[in-house]
Amino acid sequence: MATVRYSINPEDPIESVVVAAGAAVVTKKIELTIDQAALITDSSNPTTPRAIKLTEVLIALDNLRAAIVRNVPANLND
């Protein structure tokens, strides 16, 4: 496995983290992309798209971290 990519939407729970393996073009060992132009909808207002909020990004990052810890490859163990 050359790379691993963890993906999640801001509204998704930790169980929804997608882990994908394969080759990719990267410039650093670890990369994170946040699509600031992406629009999401609230469950309270599903017909009105809006921008992602900082708090949602931070919650998603916490979920990504937890998913990485759960699925840590053997070669990354301390």
PDB file of N, CA and C in Angstrom:
ATOM      1  N   MET A   1       0.846  -1.165   0.000  1.00  0.00           N
ATOM      2  CA  MET A   1       0.000   0.000   0.000  1.00  0.00           C
ATOM      3  C   MET A   1       0.896   1.233   0.000  1.00  0.00           C
ATOM      4  N   ALA A   2       0.824   2.007  -1.067  1.00  0.00           N
ATOM      5  CA  ALA A   2       1.652   3.201  -1.184  1.00  0.00           C
ATOM      6  C   ALA A   2       1.104   4.350  -0.352  1.00  0.00           C
ATOM      7  N   THR A   3      -0.188   4.517  -0.365  1.00  0.00           N
ATOM      8  CA  THR A   3      -0.808   5.598   0.407  1.00  0.00           C
ATOM      9  C   THR A   3      -2.119   5.111   0.993  1.00  0.00           C
ATOM     10  N   VAL A   4      -2.577   5.827   1.966  1.00  0.00           N
ATOM     11  CA  VAL A   4      -3.907   5.582   2.511  1.00  0.00           C
ATOM     12  C   VAL A   4      -4.610   6.926   2.628  1.00  0.00           C
ATOM     13  N   ARG A   5      -5.855   6.944   2.249  1.00  0.00           N
ATOM     14  CA  ARG A   5      -6.633   8.182   2.296  1.00  0.00           C
ATOM     15  C   ARG A   5      -7.836   7.956   3.186  1.00  0.00           C
ATOM     16  N   TYR A   6      -8.028   8.837   4.129  1.00  0.00           N
ATOM     17  CA  TYR A   6      -9.182   8.794   5.007  1.00  0.00           C
ATOM     18  C   TYR A   6     -10.125   9.909   4.589  1.00  0.00           C
ATOM     19  N   SER A   7     -11.402   9.591   4.392  1.00  0.00           N
ATOM     20  CA  SER A   7     -12.367  10.588   3.940  1.00  0.00           C
ATOM     21  C   SER A   7     -13.587  10.597   4.852  1.00  0.00           C
ATOM     22  N   ILE A   8     -14.128  11.785   5.062  1.00  0.00           N
ATOM     23  CA  ILE A   8     -15.335  11.921   5.881  1.00  0.00           C
ATOM     24  C   ILE A   8     -16.013  13.234   5.529  1.00  0.00           C
ATOM     25  N   ASN A   9     -17.310  13.273   5.656  1.00  0.00           N
ATOM     26  CA  ASN A   9     -18.067  14.508   5.529  1.00  0.00           C
ATOM     27  C   ASN A   9     -18.279  15.087   6.914  1.00  0.00           C
ATOM     28  N   PRO A  10     -18.435  16.392   7.027  1.00  0.00           N
ATOM     29  CA  PRO A  10     -18.584  17.002   8.350  1.00  0.00           C
ATOM     30  C   PRO A  10     -19.741  16.433   9.165  1.00  0.00           C
ATOM     31  N   GLU A  11     -20.809  16.049   8.485  1.00  0.00           N
ATOM     32  CA  GLU A  11     -21.987  15.563   9.212  1.00  0.00           C
ATOM     33  C   GLU A  11     -21.936  14.068   9.524  1.00  0.00           C
ATOM     34  N   ASP A  12     -20.888  13.375   9.068  1.00  0.00           N
ATOM     35  CA  ASP A  12     -20.797  11.929   9.242  1.00  0.00           C
ATOM     36  C   ASP A  12     -20.245  11.535  10.606  1.00  0.00           C
ATOM     37  N   PRO A  13     -20.740  10.421  11.164  1.00  0.00           N
ATOM     38  CA  PRO A  13     -20.163   9.882  12.395  1.00  0.00           C
ATOM     39  C   PRO A  13     -18.856   9.154  12.086  1.00  0.00           C
ATOM     40  N   ILE A  14     -18.114   8.820  13.104  1.00  0.00           N
ATOM     41  CA  ILE A  14     -16.810   8.175  12.928  1.00  0.00           C
ATOM     42  C   ILE A  14     -16.921   6.872  12.147  1.00  0.00           C
ATOM     43  N   GLU A  15     -18.033   6.168  12.274  1.00  0.00           N
ATOM     44  CA  GLU A  15     -18.210   4.902  11.562  1.00  0.00           C
ATOM     45  C   GLU A  15     -18.286   5.095  10.047  1.00  0.00           C
ATOM     46  N   SER A  16     -18.468   6.319   9.602  1.00  0.00           N
ATOM     47  CA  SER A  16     -18.581   6.606   8.172  1.00  0.00           C
ATOM     48  C   SER A  16     -17.258   6.983   7.525  1.00  0.00           C
ATOM     49  N   VAL A  17     -16.169   6.979   8.296  1.00  0.00           N
ATOM     50  CA  VAL A  17     -14.863   7.293   7.716  1.00  0.00           C
ATOM     51  C   VAL A  17     -14.534   6.238   6.666  1.00  0.00           C
ATOM     52  N   VAL A  18     -14.174   6.708   5.481  1.00  0.00           N
ATOM     53  CA  VAL A  18     -13.795   5.812   4.385  1.00  0.00           C
ATOM     54  C   VAL A  18     -12.279   5.734   4.337  1.00  0.00           C
ATOM     55  N   VAL A  19     -11.763   4.525   4.321  1.00  0.00           N
ATOM     56  CA  VAL A  19     -10.329   4.302   4.223  1.00  0.00           C
ATOM     57  C   VAL A  19     -10.053   3.696   2.850  1.00  0.00           C
ATOM     58  N   ALA A  20      -9.219   4.369   2.062  1.00  0.00           N
ATOM     59  CA  ALA A  20      -8.896   3.891   0.717  1.00  0.00           C
ATOM     60  C   ALA A  20      -7.390   3.778   0.570  1.00  0.00           C
ATOM     61  N   ALA A  21      -6.950   2.718  -0.073  1.00  0.00           N
ATOM     62  CA  ALA A  21      -5.520   2.493  -0.273  1.00  0.00           C
ATOM     63  C   ALA A  21      -5.193   2.529  -1.751  1.00  0.00           C
ATOM     64  N   GLY A  22      -3.952   2.856  -2.034  1.00  0.00           N
ATOM     65  CA  GLY A  22      -3.508   2.843  -3.416  1.00  0.00           C
ATOM     66  C   GLY A  22      -2.487   3.924  -3.670  1.00  0.00           C
ATOM     67  N   ALA A  23      -2.010   3.967  -4.877  1.00  0.00           N
ATOM     68  CA  ALA A  23      -1.016   4.964  -5.246  1.00  0.00           C
ATOM     69  C   ALA A  23      -1.686   6.310  -5.458  1.00  0.00           C
ATOM     70  N   ALA A  24      -0.984   7.346  -5.123  1.00  0.00           N
ATOM     71  CA  ALA A  24      -1.488   8.705  -5.333  1.00  0.00           C
ATOM     72  C   ALA A  24      -0.296   9.628  -5.537  1.00  0.00           C
ATOM     73  N   VAL A  25      -0.555  10.750  -6.157  1.00  0.00           N
ATOM     74  CA  VAL A  25       0.488  11.759  -6.318  1.00  0.00           C
ATOM     75  C   VAL A  25       0.437  12.652  -5.092  1.00  0.00           C
ATOM     76  N   VAL A  26       1.525  12.676  -4.347  1.00  0.00           N
ATOM     77  CA  VAL A  26       1.572  13.482  -3.133  1.00  0.00           C
ATOM     78  C   VAL A  26       2.833  14.332  -3.142  1.00  0.00           C
ATOM     79  N   THR A  27       2.807  15.403  -2.359  1.00  0.00           N
ATOM     80  CA  THR A  27       3.991  16.241  -2.240  1.00  0.00           C
ATOM     81  C   THR A  27       4.606  16.149  -0.850  1.00  0.00           C
ATOM     82  N   LYS A  28       3.843  15.677   0.108  1.00  0.00           N
ATOM     83  CA  LYS A  28       4.325  15.494   1.479  1.00  0.00           C
ATOM     84  C   LYS A  28       3.923  14.107   1.960  1.00  0.00           C
ATOM     85  N   LYS A  29       4.458  13.678   3.086  1.00  0.00           N
ATOM     86  CA  LYS A  29       4.140  12.360   3.630  1.00  0.00           C
ATOM     87  C   LYS A  29       2.694  12.275   4.110  1.00  0.00           C
ATOM     88  N   ILE A  30       2.189  13.353   4.661  1.00  0.00           N
ATOM     89  CA  ILE A  30       0.819  13.403   5.171  1.00  0.00           C
ATOM     90  C   ILE A  30       0.168  14.655   4.612  1.00  0.00           C
ATOM     91  N   GLU A  31      -1.006  14.483   4.026  1.00  0.00           N
ATOM     92  CA  GLU A  31      -1.713  15.622   3.460  1.00  0.00           C
ATOM     93  C   GLU A  31      -3.163  15.607   3.907  1.00  0.00           C
ATOM     94  N   LEU A  32      -3.730  16.774   4.033  1.00  0.00           N
ATOM     95  CA  LEU A  32      -5.133  16.933   4.397  1.00  0.00           C
ATOM     96  C   LEU A  32      -5.722  17.987   3.485  1.00  0.00           C
ATOM     97  N   THR A  33      -6.855  17.677   2.895  1.00  0.00           N
ATOM     98  CA  THR A  33      -7.535  18.632   2.030  1.00  0.00           C
ATOM     99  C   THR A  33      -8.908  18.918   2.600  1.00  0.00           C
ATOM    100  N   ILE A  34      -9.231  20.178   2.734  1.00  0.00           N
ATOM    101  CA  ILE A  34     -10.560  20.596   3.161  1.00  0.00           C
ATOM    102  C   ILE A  34     -11.153  21.405   2.013  1.00  0.00           C
ATOM    103  N   ASP A  35     -12.234  20.928   1.467  1.00  0.00           N
ATOM    104  CA  ASP A  35     -12.877  21.605   0.349  1.00  0.00           C
ATOM    105  C   ASP A  35     -13.778  22.713   0.902  1.00  0.00           C
ATOM    106  N   GLN A  36     -13.250  23.911   0.941  1.00  0.00           N
ATOM    107  CA  GLN A  36     -13.985  25.037   1.502  1.00  0.00           C
ATOM    108  C   GLN A  36     -15.131  25.483   0.603  1.00  0.00           C
ATOM    109  N   ALA A  37     -15.104  25.083  -0.652  1.00  0.00           N
ATOM    110  CA  ALA A  37     -16.169  25.467  -1.573  1.00  0.00           C
ATOM    111  C   ALA A  37     -17.341  24.491  -1.538  1.00  0.00           C
ATOM    112  N   ALA A  38     -17.150  23.352  -0.870  1.00  0.00           N
ATOM    113  CA  ALA A  38     -18.211  22.351  -0.815  1.00  0.00           C
ATOM    114  C   ALA A  38     -19.398  22.884  -0.025  1.00  0.00           C
ATOM    115  N   LEU A  39     -20.569  22.561  -0.496  1.00  0.00           N
ATOM    116  CA  LEU A  39     -21.781  22.958   0.204  1.00  0.00           C
ATOM    117  C   LEU A  39     -22.395  21.732   0.859  1.00  0.00           C
ATOM    118  N   ILE A  40     -22.899  21.911   2.067  1.00  0.00           N
ATOM    119  CA  ILE A  40     -23.563  20.828   2.786  1.00  0.00           C
ATOM    120  C   ILE A  40     -24.946  21.306   3.201  1.00  0.00           C
ATOM    121  N   THR A  41     -25.773  20.372   3.657  1.00  0.00           N
ATOM    122  CA  THR A  41     -27.097  20.729   4.149  1.00  0.00           C
ATOM    123  C   THR A  41     -27.249  20.240   5.581  1.00  0.00           C
ATOM    124  N   ASP A  42     -28.000  20.974   6.352  1.00  0.00           N
ATOM    125  CA  ASP A  42     -28.324  20.586   7.723  1.00  0.00           C
ATOM    126  C   ASP A  42     -29.532  19.670   7.709  1.00  0.00           C
ATOM    127  N   SER A  43     -29.609  18.755   8.665  1.00  0.00           N
ATOM    128  CA  SER A  43     -30.807  17.928   8.774  1.00  0.00           C
ATOM    129  C   SER A  43     -32.011  18.789   9.123  1.00  0.00           C
ATOM    130  N   SER A  44     -31.767  19.919   9.792  1.00  0.00           N
ATOM    131  CA  SER A  44     -32.871  20.817  10.151  1.00  0.00           C
ATOM    132  C   SER A  44     -33.361  21.644   8.970  1.00  0.00           C
ATOM    133  N   ASN A  45     -32.510  21.782   7.930  1.00  0.00           N
ATOM    134  CA  ASN A  45     -32.877  22.566   6.750  1.00  0.00           C
ATOM    135  C   ASN A  45     -32.251  21.918   5.512  1.00  0.00           C
ATOM    136  N   PRO A  46     -32.757  20.739   5.115  1.00  0.00           N
ATOM    137  CA  PRO A  46     -32.109  19.973   4.042  1.00  0.00           C
ATOM    138  C   PRO A  46     -32.212  20.579   2.653  1.00  0.00           C
ATOM    139  N   THR A  47     -33.009  21.608   2.472  1.00  0.00           N
ATOM    140  CA  THR A  47     -33.172  22.186   1.133  1.00  0.00           C
ATOM    141  C   THR A  47     -32.287  23.397   0.892  1.00  0.00           C
ATOM    142  N   THR A  48     -31.561  23.855   1.926  1.00  0.00           N
ATOM    143  CA  THR A  48     -30.733  25.052   1.782  1.00  0.00           C
ATOM    144  C   THR A  48     -29.265  24.715   2.008  1.00  0.00           C
ATOM    145  N   PRO A  49     -28.480  24.588   0.950  1.00  0.00           N
ATOM    146  CA  PRO A  49     -27.048  24.315   1.109  1.00  0.00           C
ATOM    147  C   PRO A  49     -26.334  25.501   1.756  1.00  0.00           C
ATOM    148  N   ARG A  50     -25.270  25.193   2.460  1.00  0.00           N
ATOM    149  CA  ARG A  50     -24.468  26.239   3.103  1.00  0.00           C
ATOM    150  C   ARG A  50     -23.012  25.795   3.148  1.00  0.00           C
ATOM    151  N   ALA A  51     -22.142  26.730   3.477  1.00  0.00           N
ATOM    152  CA  ALA A  51     -20.710  26.445   3.593  1.00  0.00           C
ATOM    153  C   ALA A  51     -20.429  25.638   4.867  1.00  0.00           C
ATOM    154  N   ILE A  52     -19.322  24.914   4.826  1.00  0.00           N
ATOM    155  CA  ILE A  52     -18.871  24.163   5.999  1.00  0.00           C
ATOM    156  C   ILE A  52     -18.387  25.143   7.060  1.00  0.00           C
ATOM    157  N   LYS A  53     -18.718  24.856   8.317  1.00  0.00           N
ATOM    158  CA  LYS A  53     -18.287  25.697   9.439  1.00  0.00           C
ATOM    159  C   LYS A  53     -17.001  25.142  10.044  1.00  0.00           C
ATOM    160  N   LEU A  54     -16.232  26.009  10.655  1.00  0.00           N
ATOM    161  CA  LEU A  54     -14.984  25.602  11.295  1.00  0.00           C
ATOM    162  C   LEU A  54     -15.221  24.501  12.331  1.00  0.00           C
ATOM    163  N   THR A  55     -16.250  24.633  13.137  1.00  0.00           N
ATOM    164  CA  THR A  55     -16.513  23.613  14.162  1.00  0.00           C
ATOM    165  C   THR A  55     -16.781  22.246  13.523  1.00  0.00           C
ATOM    166  N   GLU A  56     -17.437  22.228  12.360  1.00  0.00           N
ATOM    167  CA  GLU A  56     -17.698  20.968  11.672  1.00  0.00           C
ATOM    168  C   GLU A  56     -16.405  20.356  11.139  1.00  0.00           C
ATOM    169  N   VAL A  57     -15.512  21.192  10.651  1.00  0.00           N
ATOM    170  CA  VAL A  57     -14.207  20.703  10.189  1.00  0.00           C
ATOM    171  C   VAL A  57     -13.443  20.092  11.356  1.00  0.00           C
ATOM    172  N   LEU A  58     -13.451  20.747  12.492  1.00  0.00           N
ATOM    173  CA  LEU A  58     -12.722  20.250  13.657  1.00  0.00           C
ATOM    174  C   LEU A  58     -13.315  18.943  14.175  1.00  0.00           C
ATOM    175  N   ILE A  59     -14.622  18.816  14.163  1.00  0.00           N
ATOM    176  CA  ILE A  59     -15.254  17.557  14.579  1.00  0.00           C
ATOM    177  C   ILE A  59     -14.871  16.445  13.604  1.00  0.00           C
ATOM    178  N   ALA A  60     -14.899  16.746  12.308  1.00  0.00           N
ATOM    179  CA  ALA A  60     -14.512  15.752  11.307  1.00  0.00           C
ATOM    180  C   ALA A  60     -13.052  15.329  11.496  1.00  0.00           C
ATOM    181  N   LEU A  61     -12.179  16.278  11.823  1.00  0.00           N
ATOM    182  CA  LEU A  61     -10.773  15.949  12.079  1.00  0.00           C
ATOM    183  C   LEU A  61     -10.634  15.034  13.290  1.00  0.00           C
ATOM    184  N   ASP A  62     -11.412  15.288  14.338  1.00  0.00           N
ATOM    185  CA  ASP A  62     -11.400  14.401  15.505  1.00  0.00           C
ATOM    186  C   ASP A  62     -11.820  12.988  15.108  1.00  0.00           C
ATOM    187  N   ASN A  63     -12.841  12.881  14.256  1.00  0.00           N
ATOM    188  CA  ASN A  63     -13.294  11.567  13.801  1.00  0.00           C
ATOM    189  C   ASN A  63     -12.248  10.883  12.931  1.00  0.00           C
ATOM    190  N   LEU A  64     -11.577  11.643  12.080  1.00  0.00           N
ATOM    191  CA  LEU A  64     -10.498  11.074  11.273  1.00  0.00           C
ATOM    192  C   LEU A  64      -9.370  10.555  12.154  1.00  0.00           C
ATOM    193  N   ARG A  65      -8.998  11.340  13.155  1.00  0.00           N
ATOM    194  CA  ARG A  65      -7.936  10.909  14.078  1.00  0.00           C
ATOM    195  C   ARG A  65      -8.309   9.604  14.760  1.00  0.00           C
ATOM    196  N   ALA A  66      -9.530   9.519  15.238  1.00  0.00           N
ATOM    197  CA  ALA A  66      -9.989   8.304  15.916  1.00  0.00           C
ATOM    198  C   ALA A  66      -9.979   7.114  14.964  1.00  0.00           C
ATOM    199  N   ALA A  67     -10.360   7.320  13.709  1.00  0.00           N
ATOM    200  CA  ALA A  67     -10.356   6.234  12.730  1.00  0.00           C
ATOM    201  C   ALA A  67      -8.936   5.766  12.439  1.00  0.00           C
ATOM    202  N   ILE A  68      -8.008   6.695  12.363  1.00  0.00           N
ATOM    203  CA  ILE A  68      -6.609   6.330  12.131  1.00  0.00           C
ATOM    204  C   ILE A  68      -6.073   5.524  13.299  1.00  0.00           C
ATOM    205  N   VAL A  69      -6.386   5.937  14.516  1.00  0.00           N
ATOM    206  CA  VAL A  69      -5.932   5.213  15.709  1.00  0.00           C
ATOM    207  C   VAL A  69      -6.527   3.802  15.732  1.00  0.00           C
ATOM    208  N   ARG A  70      -7.781   3.673  15.348  1.00  0.00           N
ATOM    209  CA  ARG A  70      -8.436   2.354  15.312  1.00  0.00           C
ATOM    210  C   ARG A  70      -7.801   1.421  14.292  1.00  0.00           C
ATOM    211  N   ASN A  71      -7.347   1.979  13.177  1.00  0.00           N
ATOM    212  CA  ASN A  71      -6.872   1.165  12.046  1.00  0.00           C
ATOM    213  C   ASN A  71      -5.384   1.359  11.777  1.00  0.00           C
ATOM    214  N   VAL A  72      -4.621   1.623  12.811  1.00  0.00           N
ATOM    215  CA  VAL A  72      -3.204   1.929  12.616  1.00  0.00           C
ATOM    216  C   VAL A  72      -2.477   0.726  11.987  1.00  0.00           C
ATOM    217  N   PRO A  73      -1.776   0.951  10.878  1.00  0.00           N
ATOM    218  CA  PRO A  73      -0.995  -0.139  10.271  1.00  0.00           C
ATOM    219  C   PRO A  73       0.136  -0.574  11.197  1.00  0.00           C
ATOM    220  N   ALA A  74       0.502  -1.830  11.113  1.00  0.00           N
ATOM    221  CA  ALA A  74       1.530  -2.389  11.997  1.00  0.00           C
ATOM    222  C   ALA A  74       2.838  -1.625  11.915  1.00  0.00           C
ATOM    223  N   ASN A  75       3.202  -1.130  10.717  1.00  0.00           N
ATOM    224  CA  ASN A  75       4.480  -0.445  10.578  1.00  0.00           C
ATOM    225  C   ASN A  75       4.487   0.941  11.210  1.00  0.00           C
ATOM    226  N   LEU A  76       3.324   1.451  11.647  1.00  0.00           N
ATOM    227  CA  LEU A  76       3.281   2.745  12.308  1.00  0.00           C
ATOM    228  C   LEU A  76       3.216   2.642  13.825  1.00  0.00           C
ATOM    229  N   ASN A  77       3.069   1.422  14.340  1.00  0.00           N
ATOM    230  CA  ASN A  77       3.014   1.256  15.793  1.00  0.00           C
ATOM    231  C   ASN A  77       4.319   1.684  16.426  1.00  0.00           C
ATOM    232  N   ASP A  78       4.212   2.332  17.571  1.00  0.00           N
ATOM    233  CA  ASP A  78       5.409   2.759  18.322  1.00  0.00           C
ATOM    234  C   ASP A  78       6.004   1.591  19.062  1.00  0.00           C
TER     235      ASP A  78
END
